[in-house]
């Protein structure tokens, strides 16, 4: 239990250091209503609240028998998820949000037991809906990439 608390406190200190680094950030232009520093500060604040709970909770985290073990298969899935997220980051601008989202979302769904047709349909609809939500409703421009010809 002491290692869990120490780990939480180390991560809490890291959150505080990142918040100090993010606080003075000012962009030369702002395309969002709240500015570019609000999102990282909000995420760091929420993470800090969770870490405070982990550091000072009254009882230790106890693993139940029905929880999956951290075996080789689970670690492989985690590594594949991280790899897919890195591919998403690399293809986000060249391919655009919709294509890179489908390119990453379908293998992610298949990794966790999704069937081909529902995975392709749901991920495709979800990326289009998320693009519309960000671009049209929240005025946060996302890249279209190869689908740029469809605009206008």
N, C-alpha and C. Protein backbone atom coordinates (compact mmCIF):
# COMPACT_ATOMS: atom_id res chain seq x y z
N UNK A 1 0.82 -1.18 0.00
CA UNK A 1 0.00 0.00 0.00
C UNK A 1 0.87 1.26 0.00
N UNK A 2 1.99 1.20 0.65
CA UNK A 2 2.87 2.37 0.70
C UNK A 2 3.42 2.69 -0.68
N UNK A 3 3.68 1.67 -1.51
CA UNK A 3 4.17 1.91 -2.86
C UNK A 3 3.11 2.59 -3.71
N UNK A 4 1.83 2.22 -3.52
CA UNK A 4 0.75 2.88 -4.25
C UNK A 4 0.68 4.36 -3.90
N UNK A 5 0.83 4.66 -2.64
CA UNK A 5 0.76 6.06 -2.19
C UNK A 5 1.97 6.86 -2.68
N UNK A 6 3.15 6.26 -2.63
CA UNK A 6 4.36 6.94 -3.11
C UNK A 6 4.25 7.20 -4.62
N UNK A 7 3.78 6.21 -5.35
CA UNK A 7 3.60 6.37 -6.79
C UNK A 7 2.61 7.49 -7.09
N UNK A 8 1.50 7.54 -6.36
CA UNK A 8 0.51 8.61 -6.55
C UNK A 8 1.10 9.97 -6.23
N UNK A 9 1.90 10.07 -5.18
CA UNK A 9 2.51 11.35 -4.82
C UNK A 9 3.55 11.80 -5.85
N UNK A 10 4.30 10.85 -6.41
CA UNK A 10 5.27 11.19 -7.45
C UNK A 10 4.54 11.72 -8.68
N UNK A 11 3.47 11.04 -9.08
CA UNK A 11 2.70 11.52 -10.22
C UNK A 11 2.02 12.85 -9.93
N UNK A 12 1.62 13.07 -8.70
CA UNK A 12 1.02 14.35 -8.31
C UNK A 12 2.04 15.48 -8.44
N UNK A 13 3.28 15.22 -8.03
CA UNK A 13 4.35 16.21 -8.19
C UNK A 13 4.61 16.48 -9.67
N UNK A 14 4.55 15.44 -10.50
CA UNK A 14 4.72 15.62 -11.93
C UNK A 14 3.59 16.47 -12.52
N UNK A 15 2.36 16.23 -12.06
CA UNK A 15 1.22 17.06 -12.50
C UNK A 15 1.43 18.52 -12.13
N UNK A 16 1.90 18.75 -10.92
CA UNK A 16 2.14 20.13 -10.48
C UNK A 16 3.22 20.79 -11.34
N UNK A 17 4.28 20.06 -11.65
CA UNK A 17 5.35 20.61 -12.49
C UNK A 17 4.84 20.92 -13.89
N UNK A 18 4.03 20.03 -14.45
CA UNK A 18 3.47 20.27 -15.78
C UNK A 18 2.50 21.44 -15.77
N UNK A 19 1.73 21.60 -14.68
CA UNK A 19 0.81 22.74 -14.57
C UNK A 19 1.58 24.05 -14.51
N UNK A 20 2.70 24.07 -13.77
CA UNK A 20 3.53 25.28 -13.70
C UNK A 20 4.08 25.61 -15.09
N UNK A 21 4.45 24.58 -15.85
CA UNK A 21 4.96 24.81 -17.20
C UNK A 21 3.85 25.28 -18.15
N UNK A 22 2.63 24.80 -17.98
CA UNK A 22 1.53 25.14 -18.88
C UNK A 22 0.88 26.47 -18.55
N UNK A 23 0.99 26.92 -17.31
CA UNK A 23 0.28 28.13 -16.89
C UNK A 23 0.63 29.37 -17.72
N UNK A 24 1.90 29.69 -17.97
CA UNK A 24 2.20 30.93 -18.70
C UNK A 24 2.02 30.84 -20.22
N UNK A 25 1.62 29.69 -20.73
CA UNK A 25 1.54 29.51 -22.18
C UNK A 25 0.51 30.45 -22.80
N UNK A 26 0.93 31.20 -23.79
CA UNK A 26 0.05 32.08 -24.56
C UNK A 26 0.37 31.85 -26.03
N UNK A 27 -0.66 31.54 -26.81
CA UNK A 27 -0.46 31.35 -28.24
C UNK A 27 -0.60 32.69 -28.95
N UNK A 28 0.10 32.82 -30.07
CA UNK A 28 0.03 34.06 -30.84
C UNK A 28 -1.35 34.24 -31.46
N UNK A 29 -2.04 33.14 -31.69
CA UNK A 29 -3.40 33.19 -32.20
C UNK A 29 -4.23 32.17 -31.42
N UNK A 30 -5.51 32.37 -31.39
CA UNK A 30 -6.39 31.45 -30.67
C UNK A 30 -7.59 31.13 -31.53
N UNK A 31 -7.78 29.88 -31.83
CA UNK A 31 -8.93 29.47 -32.62
C UNK A 31 -9.99 28.79 -31.75
N UNK A 32 -9.78 28.77 -30.45
CA UNK A 32 -10.75 28.21 -29.52
C UNK A 32 -11.24 29.31 -28.59
N UNK A 33 -12.47 29.24 -28.15
CA UNK A 33 -13.00 30.28 -27.28
C UNK A 33 -12.28 30.40 -25.94
N UNK A 34 -11.79 29.27 -25.38
CA UNK A 34 -11.16 29.30 -24.06
C UNK A 34 -9.65 29.43 -24.13
N UNK A 35 -9.08 29.32 -25.29
CA UNK A 35 -7.63 29.45 -25.43
C UNK A 35 -6.93 28.11 -25.34
N UNK A 36 -5.64 28.07 -25.69
CA UNK A 36 -4.92 26.81 -25.78
C UNK A 36 -4.45 26.23 -24.46
N UNK A 37 -4.45 27.01 -23.38
CA UNK A 37 -3.92 26.45 -22.14
C UNK A 37 -4.99 25.83 -21.27
N UNK A 38 -6.28 26.04 -21.56
CA UNK A 38 -7.35 25.54 -20.70
C UNK A 38 -7.40 24.00 -20.68
N UNK A 39 -7.27 23.37 -21.83
CA UNK A 39 -7.40 21.92 -21.88
C UNK A 39 -6.31 21.21 -21.07
N UNK A 40 -5.02 21.53 -21.25
CA UNK A 40 -4.03 20.84 -20.42
C UNK A 40 -4.20 21.11 -18.94
N UNK A 41 -4.56 22.33 -18.57
CA UNK A 41 -4.74 22.63 -17.15
C UNK A 41 -5.94 21.88 -16.57
N UNK A 42 -7.00 21.77 -17.35
CA UNK A 42 -8.17 21.01 -16.90
C UNK A 42 -7.82 19.53 -16.71
N UNK A 43 -7.11 18.96 -17.67
CA UNK A 43 -6.73 17.54 -17.57
C UNK A 43 -5.79 17.31 -16.39
N UNK A 44 -4.84 18.21 -16.21
CA UNK A 44 -3.92 18.07 -15.08
C UNK A 44 -4.64 18.23 -13.75
N UNK A 45 -5.62 19.13 -13.69
CA UNK A 45 -6.40 19.30 -12.46
C UNK A 45 -7.21 18.07 -12.12
N UNK A 46 -7.87 17.48 -13.13
CA UNK A 46 -8.63 16.25 -12.89
C UNK A 46 -7.73 15.10 -12.49
N UNK A 47 -6.59 15.01 -13.14
CA UNK A 47 -5.62 13.96 -12.80
C UNK A 47 -5.11 14.15 -11.38
N UNK A 48 -4.87 15.40 -10.98
CA UNK A 48 -4.38 15.68 -9.63
C UNK A 48 -5.43 15.31 -8.59
N UNK A 49 -6.70 15.56 -8.88
CA UNK A 49 -7.76 15.16 -7.93
C UNK A 49 -7.78 13.65 -7.74
N UNK A 50 -7.68 12.91 -8.83
CA UNK A 50 -7.65 11.45 -8.73
C UNK A 50 -6.42 10.96 -7.98
N UNK A 51 -5.29 11.58 -8.21
CA UNK A 51 -4.07 11.18 -7.52
C UNK A 51 -4.11 11.52 -6.04
N UNK A 52 -4.74 12.64 -5.70
CA UNK A 52 -4.92 12.97 -4.28
C UNK A 52 -5.76 11.91 -3.58
N UNK A 53 -6.81 11.47 -4.26
CA UNK A 53 -7.63 10.40 -3.69
C UNK A 53 -6.80 9.13 -3.51
N UNK A 54 -6.01 8.77 -4.54
CA UNK A 54 -5.20 7.56 -4.43
C UNK A 54 -4.16 7.67 -3.32
N UNK A 55 -3.61 8.85 -3.11
CA UNK A 55 -2.57 9.01 -2.11
C UNK A 55 -3.11 8.99 -0.69
N UNK A 56 -4.33 9.48 -0.49
CA UNK A 56 -4.84 9.62 0.87
C UNK A 56 -6.11 8.81 1.16
N UNK A 57 -6.42 7.84 0.33
CA UNK A 57 -7.61 7.02 0.57
C UNK A 57 -7.40 6.16 1.81
N UNK A 58 -8.48 5.79 2.50
CA UNK A 58 -8.32 5.07 3.77
C UNK A 58 -7.93 3.60 3.62
N UNK A 59 -8.29 2.95 2.52
CA UNK A 59 -7.99 1.52 2.39
C UNK A 59 -7.20 1.27 1.11
N UNK A 60 -6.40 0.23 1.08
CA UNK A 60 -5.63 -0.07 -0.13
C UNK A 60 -6.53 -0.65 -1.23
N UNK A 61 -6.03 -0.59 -2.46
CA UNK A 61 -6.74 -1.20 -3.57
C UNK A 61 -6.50 -2.70 -3.49
N UNK A 62 -7.58 -3.46 -3.45
CA UNK A 62 -7.49 -4.91 -3.37
C UNK A 62 -8.00 -5.49 -4.67
N UNK A 63 -7.22 -6.36 -5.26
CA UNK A 63 -7.62 -6.98 -6.52
C UNK A 63 -8.56 -8.13 -6.24
N UNK A 64 -9.64 -8.19 -7.02
CA UNK A 64 -10.63 -9.25 -6.87
C UNK A 64 -10.27 -10.41 -7.79
N UNK A 65 -10.89 -11.54 -7.53
CA UNK A 65 -10.61 -12.73 -8.33
C UNK A 65 -11.14 -12.62 -9.75
N UNK A 66 -12.21 -11.82 -9.96
CA UNK A 66 -12.79 -11.73 -11.29
C UNK A 66 -12.10 -10.71 -12.19
N UNK A 67 -11.09 -10.02 -11.68
CA UNK A 67 -10.35 -9.07 -12.50
C UNK A 67 -9.35 -9.83 -13.38
N UNK A 68 -9.15 -9.35 -14.61
CA UNK A 68 -8.18 -10.04 -15.48
C UNK A 68 -6.76 -9.87 -14.97
N UNK A 69 -5.98 -10.90 -15.16
CA UNK A 69 -4.59 -10.84 -14.73
C UNK A 69 -3.78 -10.00 -15.70
N UNK A 70 -2.67 -9.49 -15.23
CA UNK A 70 -1.77 -8.74 -16.08
C UNK A 70 -0.78 -9.71 -16.70
N UNK A 71 -1.29 -10.56 -17.60
CA UNK A 71 -0.47 -11.58 -18.23
C UNK A 71 0.06 -11.09 -19.57
N UNK A 72 0.72 -11.97 -20.29
CA UNK A 72 1.34 -11.60 -21.57
C UNK A 72 0.31 -11.11 -22.58
N UNK A 73 -0.85 -11.74 -22.64
CA UNK A 73 -1.88 -11.33 -23.59
C UNK A 73 -2.37 -9.91 -23.31
N UNK A 74 -2.59 -9.60 -22.05
CA UNK A 74 -3.04 -8.25 -21.69
C UNK A 74 -1.96 -7.23 -21.98
N UNK A 75 -0.72 -7.55 -21.66
CA UNK A 75 0.39 -6.63 -21.96
C UNK A 75 0.55 -6.41 -23.46
N UNK A 76 0.33 -7.46 -24.27
CA UNK A 76 0.37 -7.31 -25.72
C UNK A 76 -0.73 -6.37 -26.22
N UNK A 77 -1.93 -6.50 -25.65
CA UNK A 77 -3.03 -5.61 -26.03
C UNK A 77 -2.70 -4.16 -25.67
N UNK A 78 -2.12 -3.96 -24.51
CA UNK A 78 -1.75 -2.61 -24.10
C UNK A 78 -0.70 -2.04 -25.05
N UNK A 79 0.30 -2.85 -25.40
CA UNK A 79 1.35 -2.39 -26.32
C UNK A 79 0.77 -2.08 -27.69
N UNK A 80 -0.16 -2.91 -28.17
CA UNK A 80 -0.79 -2.64 -29.46
C UNK A 80 -1.63 -1.36 -29.41
N UNK A 81 -2.31 -1.13 -28.30
CA UNK A 81 -3.09 0.11 -28.16
C UNK A 81 -2.19 1.33 -28.20
N UNK A 82 -1.08 1.28 -27.51
CA UNK A 82 -0.13 2.40 -27.52
C UNK A 82 0.43 2.59 -28.93
N UNK A 83 0.75 1.49 -29.60
CA UNK A 83 1.24 1.58 -30.98
C UNK A 83 0.20 2.19 -31.91
N UNK A 84 -1.05 1.79 -31.76
CA UNK A 84 -2.12 2.36 -32.59
C UNK A 84 -2.30 3.84 -32.32
N UNK A 85 -2.18 4.26 -31.07
CA UNK A 85 -2.29 5.68 -30.76
C UNK A 85 -1.13 6.47 -31.35
N UNK A 86 0.06 5.89 -31.39
CA UNK A 86 1.20 6.56 -32.03
C UNK A 86 0.98 6.68 -33.54
N UNK A 87 0.41 5.64 -34.14
CA UNK A 87 0.08 5.71 -35.58
C UNK A 87 -0.98 6.79 -35.81
N UNK A 88 -1.96 6.89 -34.92
CA UNK A 88 -2.98 7.94 -35.03
C UNK A 88 -2.34 9.32 -34.98
N UNK A 89 -1.42 9.51 -34.06
CA UNK A 89 -0.75 10.81 -33.94
C UNK A 89 0.06 11.12 -35.20
N UNK A 90 0.67 10.10 -35.80
CA UNK A 90 1.50 10.31 -36.98
C UNK A 90 0.66 10.56 -38.23
N UNK A 91 -0.53 9.98 -38.30
CA UNK A 91 -1.35 10.11 -39.50
C UNK A 91 -2.46 11.15 -39.37
N UNK A 92 -2.56 11.80 -38.24
CA UNK A 92 -3.66 12.74 -37.98
C UNK A 92 -3.72 13.87 -39.00
N UNK A 93 -2.62 14.52 -39.28
CA UNK A 93 -2.64 15.63 -40.24
C UNK A 93 -2.56 15.17 -41.69
N UNK A 94 -1.68 14.22 -42.04
CA UNK A 94 -1.62 13.83 -43.47
C UNK A 94 -2.91 13.17 -43.97
N UNK A 95 -3.47 12.27 -43.19
CA UNK A 95 -4.69 11.58 -43.62
C UNK A 95 -5.96 12.31 -43.21
N UNK A 96 -5.88 13.10 -42.17
CA UNK A 96 -7.06 13.79 -41.66
C UNK A 96 -7.68 13.01 -40.52
N UNK A 97 -8.57 13.69 -39.79
CA UNK A 97 -9.18 13.10 -38.60
C UNK A 97 -10.03 11.88 -38.94
N UNK A 98 -10.84 11.98 -39.97
CA UNK A 98 -11.78 10.90 -40.28
C UNK A 98 -11.05 9.64 -40.72
N UNK A 99 -10.14 9.76 -41.68
CA UNK A 99 -9.45 8.56 -42.17
C UNK A 99 -8.52 7.96 -41.12
N UNK A 100 -7.80 8.80 -40.39
CA UNK A 100 -6.92 8.25 -39.36
C UNK A 100 -7.73 7.65 -38.22
N UNK A 101 -8.89 8.23 -37.92
CA UNK A 101 -9.76 7.65 -36.89
C UNK A 101 -10.27 6.28 -37.27
N UNK A 102 -10.67 6.12 -38.53
CA UNK A 102 -11.13 4.80 -39.00
C UNK A 102 -9.96 3.83 -39.06
N UNK A 103 -8.81 4.31 -39.54
CA UNK A 103 -7.62 3.46 -39.64
C UNK A 103 -7.20 2.90 -38.29
N UNK A 104 -7.40 3.65 -37.23
CA UNK A 104 -7.00 3.22 -35.90
C UNK A 104 -8.17 2.58 -35.15
N UNK A 105 -9.37 3.10 -35.35
CA UNK A 105 -10.53 2.62 -34.60
C UNK A 105 -10.92 1.19 -34.91
N UNK A 106 -10.87 0.82 -36.19
CA UNK A 106 -11.28 -0.54 -36.57
C UNK A 106 -10.32 -1.59 -35.99
N UNK A 107 -8.99 -1.43 -36.12
CA UNK A 107 -8.12 -2.42 -35.47
C UNK A 107 -8.29 -2.44 -33.94
N UNK A 108 -8.56 -1.28 -33.35
CA UNK A 108 -8.77 -1.23 -31.91
C UNK A 108 -10.02 -2.02 -31.53
N UNK A 109 -11.09 -1.85 -32.29
CA UNK A 109 -12.32 -2.60 -32.02
C UNK A 109 -12.10 -4.10 -32.22
N UNK A 110 -11.38 -4.46 -33.28
CA UNK A 110 -11.09 -5.88 -33.53
C UNK A 110 -10.21 -6.46 -32.43
N UNK A 111 -9.30 -5.66 -31.91
CA UNK A 111 -8.41 -6.12 -30.85
C UNK A 111 -9.20 -6.55 -29.62
N UNK A 112 -10.32 -5.88 -29.38
CA UNK A 112 -11.13 -6.20 -28.21
C UNK A 112 -12.40 -6.98 -28.55
N UNK A 113 -12.38 -7.70 -29.65
CA UNK A 113 -13.43 -8.67 -29.95
C UNK A 113 -14.55 -8.18 -30.84
N UNK A 114 -14.43 -7.02 -31.43
CA UNK A 114 -15.47 -6.54 -32.33
C UNK A 114 -15.47 -7.30 -33.64
N UNK A 115 -16.65 -7.43 -34.25
CA UNK A 115 -16.73 -8.07 -35.56
C UNK A 115 -16.47 -7.02 -36.64
N UNK A 116 -16.11 -7.48 -37.84
CA UNK A 116 -15.67 -6.58 -38.90
C UNK A 116 -16.74 -5.55 -39.28
N UNK A 117 -17.90 -6.02 -39.70
CA UNK A 117 -18.92 -5.11 -40.23
C UNK A 117 -19.40 -4.10 -39.19
N UNK A 118 -19.79 -4.53 -37.99
CA UNK A 118 -20.18 -3.51 -37.00
C UNK A 118 -19.04 -2.56 -36.63
N UNK A 119 -17.82 -3.07 -36.58
CA UNK A 119 -16.68 -2.21 -36.24
C UNK A 119 -16.50 -1.12 -37.28
N UNK A 120 -16.51 -1.50 -38.56
CA UNK A 120 -16.32 -0.52 -39.63
C UNK A 120 -17.45 0.48 -39.64
N UNK A 121 -18.69 0.01 -39.50
CA UNK A 121 -19.84 0.91 -39.55
C UNK A 121 -19.86 1.88 -38.36
N UNK A 122 -19.68 1.36 -37.17
CA UNK A 122 -19.75 2.21 -35.97
C UNK A 122 -18.59 3.19 -35.93
N UNK A 123 -17.38 2.73 -36.21
CA UNK A 123 -16.22 3.62 -36.19
C UNK A 123 -16.35 4.68 -37.27
N UNK A 124 -16.79 4.29 -38.45
CA UNK A 124 -16.98 5.25 -39.53
C UNK A 124 -17.99 6.33 -39.16
N UNK A 125 -19.14 5.92 -38.65
CA UNK A 125 -20.16 6.89 -38.25
C UNK A 125 -19.68 7.76 -37.08
N UNK A 126 -18.97 7.14 -36.14
CA UNK A 126 -18.50 7.88 -34.98
C UNK A 126 -17.46 8.94 -35.38
N UNK A 127 -16.55 8.62 -36.27
CA UNK A 127 -15.55 9.61 -36.66
C UNK A 127 -16.18 10.76 -37.43
N UNK A 128 -17.16 10.46 -38.28
CA UNK A 128 -17.86 11.53 -39.00
C UNK A 128 -18.64 12.40 -38.02
N UNK A 129 -19.32 11.78 -37.07
CA UNK A 129 -20.08 12.55 -36.08
C UNK A 129 -19.16 13.40 -35.20
N UNK A 130 -18.03 12.83 -34.79
CA UNK A 130 -17.09 13.61 -33.98
C UNK A 130 -16.47 14.76 -34.77
N UNK A 131 -16.17 14.52 -36.05
CA UNK A 131 -15.65 15.60 -36.89
C UNK A 131 -16.68 16.73 -36.97
N UNK A 132 -17.93 16.37 -37.23
CA UNK A 132 -18.99 17.37 -37.33
C UNK A 132 -19.16 18.12 -36.01
N UNK A 133 -19.14 17.39 -34.89
CA UNK A 133 -19.30 18.01 -33.58
C UNK A 133 -18.18 19.02 -33.31
N UNK A 134 -16.93 18.61 -33.54
CA UNK A 134 -15.82 19.52 -33.27
C UNK A 134 -15.79 20.68 -34.26
N UNK A 135 -15.95 20.38 -35.55
CA UNK A 135 -15.79 21.41 -36.57
C UNK A 135 -16.97 22.37 -36.62
N UNK A 136 -18.17 21.86 -36.58
CA UNK A 136 -19.35 22.71 -36.78
C UNK A 136 -19.92 23.25 -35.46
N UNK A 137 -20.00 22.43 -34.45
CA UNK A 137 -20.66 22.84 -33.20
C UNK A 137 -19.70 23.59 -32.29
N UNK A 138 -18.49 23.04 -32.08
CA UNK A 138 -17.56 23.65 -31.13
C UNK A 138 -16.53 24.57 -31.79
N UNK A 139 -16.55 24.72 -33.08
CA UNK A 139 -15.62 25.57 -33.81
C UNK A 139 -14.16 25.24 -33.54
N UNK A 140 -13.85 23.95 -33.43
CA UNK A 140 -12.47 23.49 -33.29
C UNK A 140 -12.12 22.80 -34.61
N UNK A 141 -11.32 23.45 -35.45
CA UNK A 141 -11.04 22.87 -36.76
C UNK A 141 -10.17 21.62 -36.66
N UNK A 142 -10.59 20.59 -37.34
CA UNK A 142 -9.82 19.35 -37.44
C UNK A 142 -9.40 19.17 -38.89
N UNK A 143 -8.24 18.58 -39.12
CA UNK A 143 -7.78 18.42 -40.50
C UNK A 143 -8.60 17.36 -41.24
N UNK A 144 -8.87 17.62 -42.52
CA UNK A 144 -9.55 16.64 -43.36
C UNK A 144 -8.56 15.76 -44.12
N UNK A 145 -7.33 16.22 -44.28
CA UNK A 145 -6.30 15.43 -44.93
C UNK A 145 -6.66 15.11 -46.37
N UNK A 146 -6.70 13.82 -46.70
CA UNK A 146 -7.00 13.38 -48.05
C UNK A 146 -8.44 13.69 -48.46
N UNK A 147 -9.33 13.86 -47.50
CA UNK A 147 -10.73 14.17 -47.80
C UNK A 147 -10.96 15.66 -47.97
N UNK A 148 -9.90 16.43 -48.08
CA UNK A 148 -9.99 17.89 -48.22
C UNK A 148 -10.74 18.29 -49.48
N UNK A 149 -10.75 17.44 -50.48
CA UNK A 149 -11.46 17.74 -51.73
C UNK A 149 -12.97 17.77 -51.54
N UNK A 150 -13.48 17.17 -50.47
CA UNK A 150 -14.92 17.15 -50.21
C UNK A 150 -15.42 18.46 -49.60
N UNK A 151 -14.50 19.26 -49.09
CA UNK A 151 -14.88 20.51 -48.47
C UNK A 151 -15.19 21.55 -49.54
N UNK A 152 -16.35 22.17 -49.44
CA UNK A 152 -16.84 23.18 -50.41
C UNK A 152 -17.08 22.59 -51.72
